[in-house]
Amino acid sequence: MAQASAIQYEPLKVGINTVIRTLKNS
């Protein structure tokens, strides 16, 4: 169950990091 949650949250973390980078660059 922990592994499934990690797999689900990984794309979420990547998406959040991408948004933060975009905000910092602008």
PDB file of N, CA and C in Angstrom:
ATOM      1  N   MET A   1       0.839  -1.201   0.000  1.00  0.00           N
ATOM      2  CA  MET A   1       0.000   0.000   0.000  1.00  0.00           C
ATOM      3  C   MET A   1       0.882   1.264   0.000  1.00  0.00           C
ATOM      4  N   ALA A   2       1.940   1.226   0.791  1.00  0.00           N
ATOM      5  CA  ALA A   2       2.835   2.390   0.831  1.00  0.00           C
ATOM      6  C   ALA A   2       3.457   2.629  -0.543  1.00  0.00           C
ATOM      7  N   GLN A   3       3.825   1.533  -1.222  1.00  0.00           N
ATOM      8  CA  GLN A   3       4.431   1.692  -2.549  1.00  0.00           C
ATOM      9  C   GLN A   3       3.436   2.296  -3.531  1.00  0.00           C
ATOM     10  N   ALA A   4       2.200   1.849  -3.494  1.00  0.00           N
ATOM     11  CA  ALA A   4       1.184   2.384  -4.408  1.00  0.00           C
ATOM     12  C   ALA A   4       0.999   3.882  -4.161  1.00  0.00           C
ATOM     13  N   SER A   5       0.991   4.286  -2.896  1.00  0.00           N
ATOM     14  CA  SER A   5       0.829   5.710  -2.581  1.00  0.00           C
ATOM     15  C   SER A   5       2.013   6.503  -3.107  1.00  0.00           C
ATOM     16  N   ALA A   6       3.215   5.955  -2.939  1.00  0.00           N
ATOM     17  CA  ALA A   6       4.414   6.649  -3.423  1.00  0.00           C
ATOM     18  C   ALA A   6       4.332   6.834  -4.934  1.00  0.00           C
ATOM     19  N   ILE A   7       3.891   5.801  -5.640  1.00  0.00           N
ATOM     20  CA  ILE A   7       3.783   5.900  -7.102  1.00  0.00           C
ATOM     21  C   ILE A   7       2.742   6.947  -7.477  1.00  0.00           C
ATOM     22  N   GLN A   8       1.681   7.056  -6.702  1.00  0.00           N
ATOM     23  CA  GLN A   8       0.640   8.046  -7.013  1.00  0.00           C
ATOM     24  C   GLN A   8       1.131   9.466  -6.754  1.00  0.00           C
ATOM     25  N   TYR A   9       1.892   9.641  -5.674  1.00  0.00           N
ATOM     26  CA  TYR A   9       2.315  10.992  -5.304  1.00  0.00           C
ATOM     27  C   TYR A   9       3.529  11.472  -6.083  1.00  0.00           C
ATOM     28  N   GLU A  10       4.287  10.557  -6.694  1.00  0.00           N
ATOM     29  CA  GLU A  10       5.482  10.966  -7.437  1.00  0.00           C
ATOM     30  C   GLU A  10       5.143  11.962  -8.545  1.00  0.00           C
ATOM     31  N   PRO A  11       4.172  11.688  -9.430  1.00  0.00           N
ATOM     32  CA  PRO A  11       3.825  12.668 -10.473  1.00  0.00           C
ATOM     33  C   PRO A  11       3.331  13.979  -9.861  1.00  0.00           C
ATOM     34  N   LEU A  12       2.660  13.891  -8.723  1.00  0.00           N
ATOM     35  CA  LEU A  12       2.161  15.105  -8.065  1.00  0.00           C
ATOM     36  C   LEU A  12       3.338  15.988  -7.646  1.00  0.00           C
ATOM     37  N   LYS A  13       4.356  15.361  -7.032  1.00  0.00           N
ATOM     38  CA  LYS A  13       5.546  16.129  -6.626  1.00  0.00           C
ATOM     39  C   LYS A  13       6.209  16.763  -7.838  1.00  0.00           C
ATOM     40  N   VAL A  14       6.341  15.994  -8.903  1.00  0.00           N
ATOM     41  CA  VAL A  14       6.983  16.518 -10.121  1.00  0.00           C
ATOM     42  C   VAL A  14       6.176  17.700 -10.654  1.00  0.00           C
ATOM     43  N   GLY A  15       4.864  17.591 -10.649  1.00  0.00           N
ATOM     44  CA  GLY A  15       4.012  18.675 -11.136  1.00  0.00           C
ATOM     45  C   GLY A  15       4.166  19.918 -10.276  1.00  0.00           C
ATOM     46  N   ILE A  16       4.195  19.747  -8.971  1.00  0.00           N
ATOM     47  CA  ILE A  16       4.349  20.893  -8.072  1.00  0.00           C
ATOM     48  C   ILE A  16       5.714  21.545  -8.283  1.00  0.00           C
ATOM     49  N   ASN A  17       6.758  20.723  -8.417  1.00  0.00           N
ATOM     50  CA  ASN A  17       8.097  21.275  -8.645  1.00  0.00           C
ATOM     51  C   ASN A  17       8.139  22.051  -9.949  1.00  0.00           C
ATOM     52  N   THR A  18       7.440  21.552 -10.972  1.00  0.00           N
ATOM     53  CA  THR A  18       7.419  22.254 -12.262  1.00  0.00           C
ATOM     54  C   THR A  18       6.732  23.611 -12.110  1.00  0.00           C
ATOM     55  N   VAL A  19       5.641  23.652 -11.377  1.00  0.00           N
ATOM     56  CA  VAL A  19       4.920  24.919 -11.169  1.00  0.00           C
ATOM     57  C   VAL A  19       5.808  25.909 -10.422  1.00  0.00           C
ATOM     58  N   ILE A  20       6.498  25.435  -9.384  1.00  0.00           N
ATOM     59  CA  ILE A  20       7.374  26.318  -8.603  1.00  0.00           C
ATOM     60  C   ILE A  20       8.487  26.871  -9.491  1.00  0.00           C
ATOM     61  N   ARG A  21       9.070  26.023 -10.323  1.00  0.00           N
ATOM     62  CA  ARG A  21      10.136  26.476 -11.213  1.00  0.00           C
ATOM     63  C   ARG A  21       9.602  27.537 -12.166  1.00  0.00           C
ATOM     64  N   THR A  22       8.420  27.296 -12.714  1.00  0.00           N
ATOM     65  CA  THR A  22       7.839  28.255 -13.661  1.00  0.00           C
ATOM     66  C   THR A  22       7.610  29.603 -12.984  1.00  0.00           C
ATOM     67  N   LEU A  23       7.113  29.572 -11.742  1.00  0.00           N
ATOM     68  CA  LEU A  23       6.861  30.827 -11.027  1.00  0.00           C
ATOM     69  C   LEU A  23       8.174  31.553 -10.740  1.00  0.00           C
ATOM     70  N   LYS A  24       9.210  30.812 -10.372  1.00  0.00           N
ATOM     71  CA  LYS A  24      10.507  31.442 -10.071  1.00  0.00           C
ATOM     72  C   LYS A  24      11.117  32.042 -11.332  1.00  0.00           C
ATOM     73  N   ASN A  25      10.951  31.386 -12.468  1.00  0.00           N
ATOM     74  CA  ASN A  25      11.561  31.861 -13.710  1.00  0.00           C
ATOM     75  C   ASN A  25      10.854  33.100 -14.246  1.00  0.00           C
ATOM     76  N   SER A  26       9.580  33.254 -13.956  1.00  0.00           N
ATOM     77  CA  SER A  26       8.838  34.384 -14.523  1.00  0.00           C
ATOM     78  C   SER A  26       9.073  35.670 -13.746  1.00  0.00           C
TER      79      SER A  26
END
